[in-house]
Amino acid sequence: GGNRTIGGEIAELIEPLISSGQVEVYVVEEQGLELEISGHRLNFVNQGYERHFGIRIVDKGREGFAFTQDPDRLPECLAKAKKLARYSEEKDVRLPDPAAAYRMPEDLYDGKITSLGIPDLVESAEDILARAQEKGVSIAEGGLSASDITTHLISSRGLDVMERQSIFSTIIQAVADGATGMEYHTSCM
């Protein structure tokens, strides 16, 4: 029951978990594009989707955590988290109160990044290769990626939050004038 930020199939999968005690369920969904560069060639383009589930149990001040990518294994994942909680060190651990001040992260998502397609990544990579060639730089390897990541956190105490972020990253390993160098730039918007 209840209105969750997470919908459909996933809500049906996790609802029984939430009602089984002091439980938090994390659902992380990521879709993205990845392009690899090898030498002065575009080597590999991949478009993918992944979904991960994490379960945290708090029982009498003890906690257990387990995760899976297979939604059919959620009951087994819950059992593992419960077992780990029984054997973990007793601490003063409690699930957060949803009434407590919770500030949502801001400015983590930029739709321009998630609207990029394979042709956009190919164009950016070709631009990098052309500039490297102009400068007499040899590209050893590298890559570009653009991702859209959504994280849901739902607890048996009523916490129900969602965060969405976009990430664009580029990494290039290059050789110039007989030396090896690495430039790393990542942008999280």
C-alpha atoms as a PDB file:
ATOM      1  CA  GLY A   1       0.000   0.000   0.000  1.00  0.00           C
ATOM      2  CA  GLY A   2       0.759   3.670   0.122  1.00  0.00           C
ATOM      3  CA  ASN A   3       1.868   6.054  -2.564  1.00  0.00           C
ATOM      4  CA  ARG A   4       5.482   5.369  -3.345  1.00  0.00           C
ATOM      5  CA  THR A   5       7.794   7.394  -5.542  1.00  0.00           C
ATOM      6  CA  ILE A   6       8.707   4.103  -7.107  1.00  0.00           C
ATOM      7  CA  GLY A   7       6.079   2.536  -9.283  1.00  0.00           C
ATOM      8  CA  GLY A   8       4.780  -0.537 -10.994  1.00  0.00           C
ATOM      9  CA  GLU A   9       6.714  -3.770 -10.978  1.00  0.00           C
ATOM     10  CA  ILE A  10       9.366  -2.635  -8.511  1.00  0.00           C
ATOM     11  CA  ALA A  11       6.810  -1.400  -5.962  1.00  0.00           C
ATOM     12  CA  GLU A  12       5.121  -4.811  -6.094  1.00  0.00           C
ATOM     13  CA  LEU A  13       8.460  -6.547  -5.570  1.00  0.00           C
ATOM     14  CA  ILE A  14       9.553  -4.522  -2.554  1.00  0.00           C
ATOM     15  CA  GLU A  15       6.251  -4.012  -0.737  1.00  0.00           C
ATOM     16  CA  PRO A  16       6.442  -7.406   1.065  1.00  0.00           C
ATOM     17  CA  LEU A  17      10.022  -6.597   2.138  1.00  0.00           C
ATOM     18  CA  ILE A  18       9.021  -3.262   3.675  1.00  0.00           C
ATOM     19  CA  SER A  19       6.302  -4.887   5.761  1.00  0.00           C
ATOM     20  CA  SER A  20       8.707  -7.423   7.304  1.00  0.00           C
ATOM     21  CA  GLY A  21      10.149  -5.257  10.120  1.00  0.00           C
ATOM     22  CA  GLN A  22      12.755  -2.495  10.348  1.00  0.00           C
ATOM     23  CA  VAL A  23      13.807  -2.497   6.702  1.00  0.00           C
ATOM     24  CA  GLU A  24      15.241  -0.099   4.134  1.00  0.00           C
ATOM     25  CA  VAL A  25      15.189  -0.982   0.463  1.00  0.00           C
ATOM     26  CA  TYR A  26      17.467   0.803  -2.001  1.00  0.00           C
ATOM     27  CA  VAL A  27      16.760   0.544  -5.707  1.00  0.00           C
ATOM     28  CA  VAL A  28      19.346   1.990  -8.076  1.00  0.00           C
ATOM     29  CA  GLU A  29      18.566   2.137 -11.775  1.00  0.00           C
ATOM     30  CA  GLU A  30      21.180   3.268 -14.270  1.00  0.00           C
ATOM     31  CA  GLN A  31      20.985   3.661 -17.998  1.00  0.00           C
ATOM     32  CA  GLY A  32      23.774   5.000 -20.075  1.00  0.00           C
ATOM     33  CA  LEU A  33      26.043   5.082 -23.045  1.00  0.00           C
ATOM     34  CA  GLU A  34      29.721   4.249 -23.170  1.00  0.00           C
ATOM     35  CA  LEU A  35      32.205   4.730 -25.990  1.00  0.00           C
ATOM     36  CA  GLU A  36      35.793   3.452 -25.905  1.00  0.00           C
ATOM     37  CA  ILE A  37      38.722   4.815 -27.879  1.00  0.00           C
ATOM     38  CA  SER A  38      41.750   2.677 -28.691  1.00  0.00           C
ATOM     39  CA  GLY A  39      44.614   4.261 -30.552  1.00  0.00           C
ATOM     40  CA  HIS A  40      43.066   6.691 -33.018  1.00  0.00           C
ATOM     41  CA  ARG A  41      39.946   4.562 -33.520  1.00  0.00           C
ATOM     42  CA  LEU A  42      36.526   4.383 -31.958  1.00  0.00           C
ATOM     43  CA  ASN A  43      36.588   0.861 -30.643  1.00  0.00           C
ATOM     44  CA  PHE A  44      33.391   0.079 -28.793  1.00  0.00           C
ATOM     45  CA  VAL A  45      29.974   1.610 -28.173  1.00  0.00           C
ATOM     46  CA  ASN A  46      27.621   0.233 -25.568  1.00  0.00           C
ATOM     47  CA  GLN A  47      24.163   1.226 -24.448  1.00  0.00           C
ATOM     48  CA  GLY A  48      22.994  -0.416 -21.246  1.00  0.00           C
ATOM     49  CA  TYR A  49      20.604  -0.581 -18.337  1.00  0.00           C
ATOM     50  CA  GLU A  50      21.234  -1.965 -14.839  1.00  0.00           C
ATOM     51  CA  ARG A  51      19.080  -2.268 -11.752  1.00  0.00           C
ATOM     52  CA  HIS A  52      20.384  -3.093  -8.268  1.00  0.00           C
ATOM     53  CA  PHE A  53      18.516  -3.759  -5.028  1.00  0.00           C
ATOM     54  CA  GLY A  54      19.989  -3.303  -1.558  1.00  0.00           C
ATOM     55  CA  ILE A  55      18.277  -4.297   1.669  1.00  0.00           C
ATOM     56  CA  ARG A  56      19.247  -3.085   5.144  1.00  0.00           C
ATOM     57  CA  ILE A  57      17.690  -4.716   8.202  1.00  0.00           C
ATOM     58  CA  VAL A  58      17.909  -3.209  11.686  1.00  0.00           C
ATOM     59  CA  ASP A  59      17.077  -5.620  14.495  1.00  0.00           C
ATOM     60  CA  LYS A  60      17.705  -4.812  18.175  1.00  0.00           C
ATOM     61  CA  GLY A  61      20.522  -2.396  17.380  1.00  0.00           C
ATOM     62  CA  ARG A  62      22.175  -4.759  14.897  1.00  0.00           C
ATOM     63  CA  GLU A  63      22.181  -4.289  11.147  1.00  0.00           C
ATOM     64  CA  GLY A  64      22.597  -6.479   8.118  1.00  0.00           C
ATOM     65  CA  PHE A  65      22.924  -5.493   4.480  1.00  0.00           C
ATOM     66  CA  ALA A  66      22.600  -7.581   1.318  1.00  0.00           C
ATOM     67  CA  PHE A  67      22.151  -6.770  -2.369  1.00  0.00           C
ATOM     68  CA  THR A  68      21.180  -8.381  -5.650  1.00  0.00           C
ATOM     69  CA  GLN A  69      20.562  -7.517  -9.283  1.00  0.00           C
ATOM     70  CA  ASP A  70      17.981 -10.258  -9.675  1.00  0.00           C
ATOM     71  CA  PRO A  71      14.481  -9.248  -8.536  1.00  0.00           C
ATOM     72  CA  ASP A  72      13.554 -12.927  -8.195  1.00  0.00           C
ATOM     73  CA  ARG A  73      16.190 -13.225  -5.447  1.00  0.00           C
ATOM     74  CA  LEU A  74      14.780 -10.425  -3.259  1.00  0.00           C
ATOM     75  CA  PRO A  75      13.312 -12.838  -0.654  1.00  0.00           C
ATOM     76  CA  GLU A  76      16.705 -14.594  -0.421  1.00  0.00           C
ATOM     77  CA  CYS A  77      18.415 -11.198  -0.168  1.00  0.00           C
ATOM     78  CA  LEU A  78      16.096 -10.237   2.711  1.00  0.00           C
ATOM     79  CA  ALA A  79      16.898 -13.521   4.501  1.00  0.00           C
ATOM     80  CA  LYS A  80      20.648 -12.872   4.117  1.00  0.00           C
ATOM     81  CA  ALA A  81      20.326  -9.348   5.497  1.00  0.00           C
ATOM     82  CA  LYS A  82      18.377 -10.705   8.511  1.00  0.00           C
ATOM     83  CA  LYS A  83      21.011 -13.372   9.115  1.00  0.00           C
ATOM     84  CA  LEU A  84      23.836 -10.833   8.906  1.00  0.00           C
ATOM     85  CA  ALA A  85      21.988  -8.613  11.396  1.00  0.00           C
ATOM     86  CA  ARG A  86      21.810 -11.495  13.892  1.00  0.00           C
ATOM     87  CA  TYR A  87      25.598 -11.930  13.727  1.00  0.00           C
ATOM     88  CA  SER A  88      26.660  -8.283  13.556  1.00  0.00           C
ATOM     89  CA  GLU A  89      27.950  -6.258  16.479  1.00  0.00           C
ATOM     90  CA  GLU A  90      25.248  -4.655  18.582  1.00  0.00           C
ATOM     91  CA  LYS A  91      25.256  -0.863  18.219  1.00  0.00           C
ATOM     92  CA  ASP A  92      22.739   1.870  18.727  1.00  0.00           C
ATOM     93  CA  VAL A  93      21.515   1.659  15.126  1.00  0.00           C
ATOM     94  CA  ARG A  94      18.014   2.719  14.107  1.00  0.00           C
ATOM     95  CA  LEU A  95      16.323   3.489  10.845  1.00  0.00           C
ATOM     96  CA  PRO A  96      15.983   7.235  10.224  1.00  0.00           C
ATOM     97  CA  ASP A  97      12.759   8.938  11.192  1.00  0.00           C
ATOM     98  CA  PRO A  98      11.056  10.316   8.076  1.00  0.00           C
ATOM     99  CA  ALA A  99       9.817  13.289  10.107  1.00  0.00           C
ATOM    100  CA  ALA A 100      13.433  14.318  10.772  1.00  0.00           C
ATOM    101  CA  ALA A 101      14.784  17.064   8.545  1.00  0.00           C
ATOM    102  CA  TYR A 102      15.874  15.487   5.281  1.00  0.00           C
ATOM    103  CA  ARG A 103      17.317  17.755   2.660  1.00  0.00           C
ATOM    104  CA  MET A 104      17.165  16.428  -0.858  1.00  0.00           C
ATOM    105  CA  PRO A 105      20.307  16.870  -2.948  1.00  0.00           C
ATOM    106  CA  GLU A 106      19.921  19.558  -5.586  1.00  0.00           C
ATOM    107  CA  ASP A 107      21.305  20.123  -9.065  1.00  0.00           C
ATOM    108  CA  LEU A 108      22.459  16.560  -9.637  1.00  0.00           C
ATOM    109  CA  TYR A 109      20.453  16.087 -12.812  1.00  0.00           C
ATOM    110  CA  ASP A 110      20.951  17.743 -16.189  1.00  0.00           C
ATOM    111  CA  GLY A 111      18.602  16.604 -18.945  1.00  0.00           C
ATOM    112  CA  LYS A 112      21.110  17.712 -21.599  1.00  0.00           C
ATOM    113  CA  ILE A 113      23.386  14.863 -20.518  1.00  0.00           C
ATOM    114  CA  THR A 114      20.686  12.208 -20.521  1.00  0.00           C
ATOM    115  CA  SER A 115      19.420  13.341 -23.928  1.00  0.00           C
ATOM    116  CA  LEU A 116      22.812  12.584 -25.507  1.00  0.00           C
ATOM    117  CA  GLY A 117      22.749   9.747 -27.991  1.00  0.00           C
ATOM    118  CA  ILE A 118      25.377   7.532 -29.553  1.00  0.00           C
ATOM    119  CA  PRO A 119      25.921  10.022 -32.437  1.00  0.00           C
ATOM    120  CA  ASP A 120      26.687  12.755 -29.853  1.00  0.00           C
ATOM    121  CA  LEU A 121      29.325  10.622 -28.121  1.00  0.00           C
ATOM    122  CA  VAL A 122      30.805   9.609 -31.485  1.00  0.00           C
ATOM    123  CA  GLU A 123      31.000  13.285 -32.528  1.00  0.00           C
ATOM    124  CA  SER A 124      32.716  14.241 -29.235  1.00  0.00           C
ATOM    125  CA  ALA A 125      35.186  11.365 -29.555  1.00  0.00           C
ATOM    126  CA  GLU A 126      35.969  12.266 -33.173  1.00  0.00           C
ATOM    127  CA  ASP A 127      36.591  15.865 -32.049  1.00  0.00           C
ATOM    128  CA  ILE A 128      39.015  14.641 -29.364  1.00  0.00           C
ATOM    129  CA  LEU A 129      40.830  12.444 -31.896  1.00  0.00           C
ATOM    130  CA  ALA A 130      41.093  15.294 -34.434  1.00  0.00           C
ATOM    131  CA  ARG A 131      42.466  17.715 -31.827  1.00  0.00           C
ATOM    132  CA  ALA A 132      44.965  15.126 -30.613  1.00  0.00           C
ATOM    133  CA  GLN A 133      46.163  14.521 -34.153  1.00  0.00           C
ATOM    134  CA  GLU A 134      46.517  18.303 -34.751  1.00  0.00           C
ATOM    135  CA  LYS A 135      48.719  18.552 -31.645  1.00  0.00           C
ATOM    136  CA  GLY A 136      50.808  15.495 -32.536  1.00  0.00           C
ATOM    137  CA  VAL A 137      49.469  13.578 -29.554  1.00  0.00           C
ATOM    138  CA  SER A 138      48.930   9.837 -29.757  1.00  0.00           C
ATOM    139  CA  ILE A 139      45.854   8.534 -27.944  1.00  0.00           C
ATOM    140  CA  ALA A 140      46.656   5.273 -26.156  1.00  0.00           C
ATOM    141  CA  GLU A 141      43.123   4.651 -24.919  1.00  0.00           C
ATOM    142  CA  GLY A 142      40.154   6.375 -23.406  1.00  0.00           C
ATOM    143  CA  GLY A 143      36.443   6.715 -23.366  1.00  0.00           C
ATOM    144  CA  LEU A 144      33.352   8.823 -22.887  1.00  0.00           C
ATOM    145  CA  SER A 145      30.210   7.956 -20.989  1.00  0.00           C
ATOM    146  CA  ALA A 146      26.862   9.520 -20.186  1.00  0.00           C
ATOM    147  CA  SER A 147      24.603   8.077 -17.482  1.00  0.00           C
ATOM    148  CA  ASP A 148      21.209   8.690 -15.913  1.00  0.00           C
ATOM    149  CA  ILE A 149      21.035   7.241 -12.383  1.00  0.00           C
ATOM    150  CA  THR A 150      17.924   7.110 -10.219  1.00  0.00           C
ATOM    151  CA  THR A 151      18.153   6.010  -6.578  1.00  0.00           C
ATOM    152  CA  HIS A 152      15.081   5.202  -4.509  1.00  0.00           C
ATOM    153  CA  LEU A 153      15.163   4.704  -0.734  1.00  0.00           C
ATOM    154  CA  ILE A 154      12.068   3.345   0.946  1.00  0.00           C
ATOM    155  CA  SER A 155      11.828   2.275   4.586  1.00  0.00           C
ATOM    156  CA  SER A 156       9.363   0.539   6.833  1.00  0.00           C
ATOM    157  CA  ARG A 157       9.330   3.751   8.921  1.00  0.00           C
ATOM    158  CA  GLY A 158       7.746   5.688   6.058  1.00  0.00           C
ATOM    159  CA  LEU A 159      10.801   7.229   4.415  1.00  0.00           C
ATOM    160  CA  ASP A 160      10.230   7.387   0.669  1.00  0.00           C
ATOM    161  CA  VAL A 161      12.715   9.485  -1.302  1.00  0.00           C
ATOM    162  CA  MET A 162      14.144   9.515  -4.786  1.00  0.00           C
ATOM    163  CA  GLU A 163      17.249  11.159  -6.221  1.00  0.00           C
ATOM    164  CA  ARG A 164      18.129  11.460  -9.891  1.00  0.00           C
ATOM    165  CA  GLN A 165      21.537  12.392 -11.228  1.00  0.00           C
ATOM    166  CA  SER A 166      23.249  12.592 -14.566  1.00  0.00           C
ATOM    167  CA  ILE A 167      26.944  12.021 -15.127  1.00  0.00           C
ATOM    168  CA  PHE A 168      29.122  12.700 -18.159  1.00  0.00           C
ATOM    169  CA  SER A 169      32.741  11.636 -17.992  1.00  0.00           C
ATOM    170  CA  THR A 170      35.726  11.493 -20.296  1.00  0.00           C
ATOM    171  CA  ILE A 171      39.071   9.850 -19.698  1.00  0.00           C
ATOM    172  CA  ILE A 172      41.911   9.927 -22.202  1.00  0.00           C
ATOM    173  CA  GLN A 173      45.384   8.419 -21.909  1.00  0.00           C
ATOM    174  CA  ALA A 174      47.764  10.015 -24.359  1.00  0.00           C
ATOM    175  CA  VAL A 175      51.444  10.019 -25.286  1.00  0.00           C
ATOM    176  CA  ALA A 176      53.154  13.237 -26.409  1.00  0.00           C
ATOM    177  CA  ASP A 177      56.836  13.882 -27.065  1.00  0.00           C
ATOM    178  CA  GLY A 178      57.788  10.430 -25.786  1.00  0.00           C
ATOM    179  CA  ALA A 179      56.188  10.994 -22.355  1.00  0.00           C
ATOM    180  CA  THR A 180      53.060   9.436 -20.906  1.00  0.00           C
ATOM    181  CA  GLY A 181      50.397  11.574 -19.321  1.00  0.00           C
ATOM    182  CA  MET A 182      46.881  11.186 -18.139  1.00  0.00           C
ATOM    183  CA  GLU A 183      44.184  13.810 -17.998  1.00  0.00           C
ATOM    184  CA  TYR A 184      41.037  12.987 -16.054  1.00  0.00           C
ATOM    185  CA  HIS A 185      37.953  15.161 -16.052  1.00  0.00           C
ATOM    186  CA  THR A 186      34.611  14.270 -14.637  1.00  0.00           C
ATOM    187  CA  SER A 187      31.518  16.383 -14.465  1.00  0.00           C
ATOM    188  CA  CYS A 188      28.549  15.586 -12.312  1.00  0.00           C
ATOM    189  CA  MET A 189      25.476  17.690 -12.999  1.00  0.00           C
END
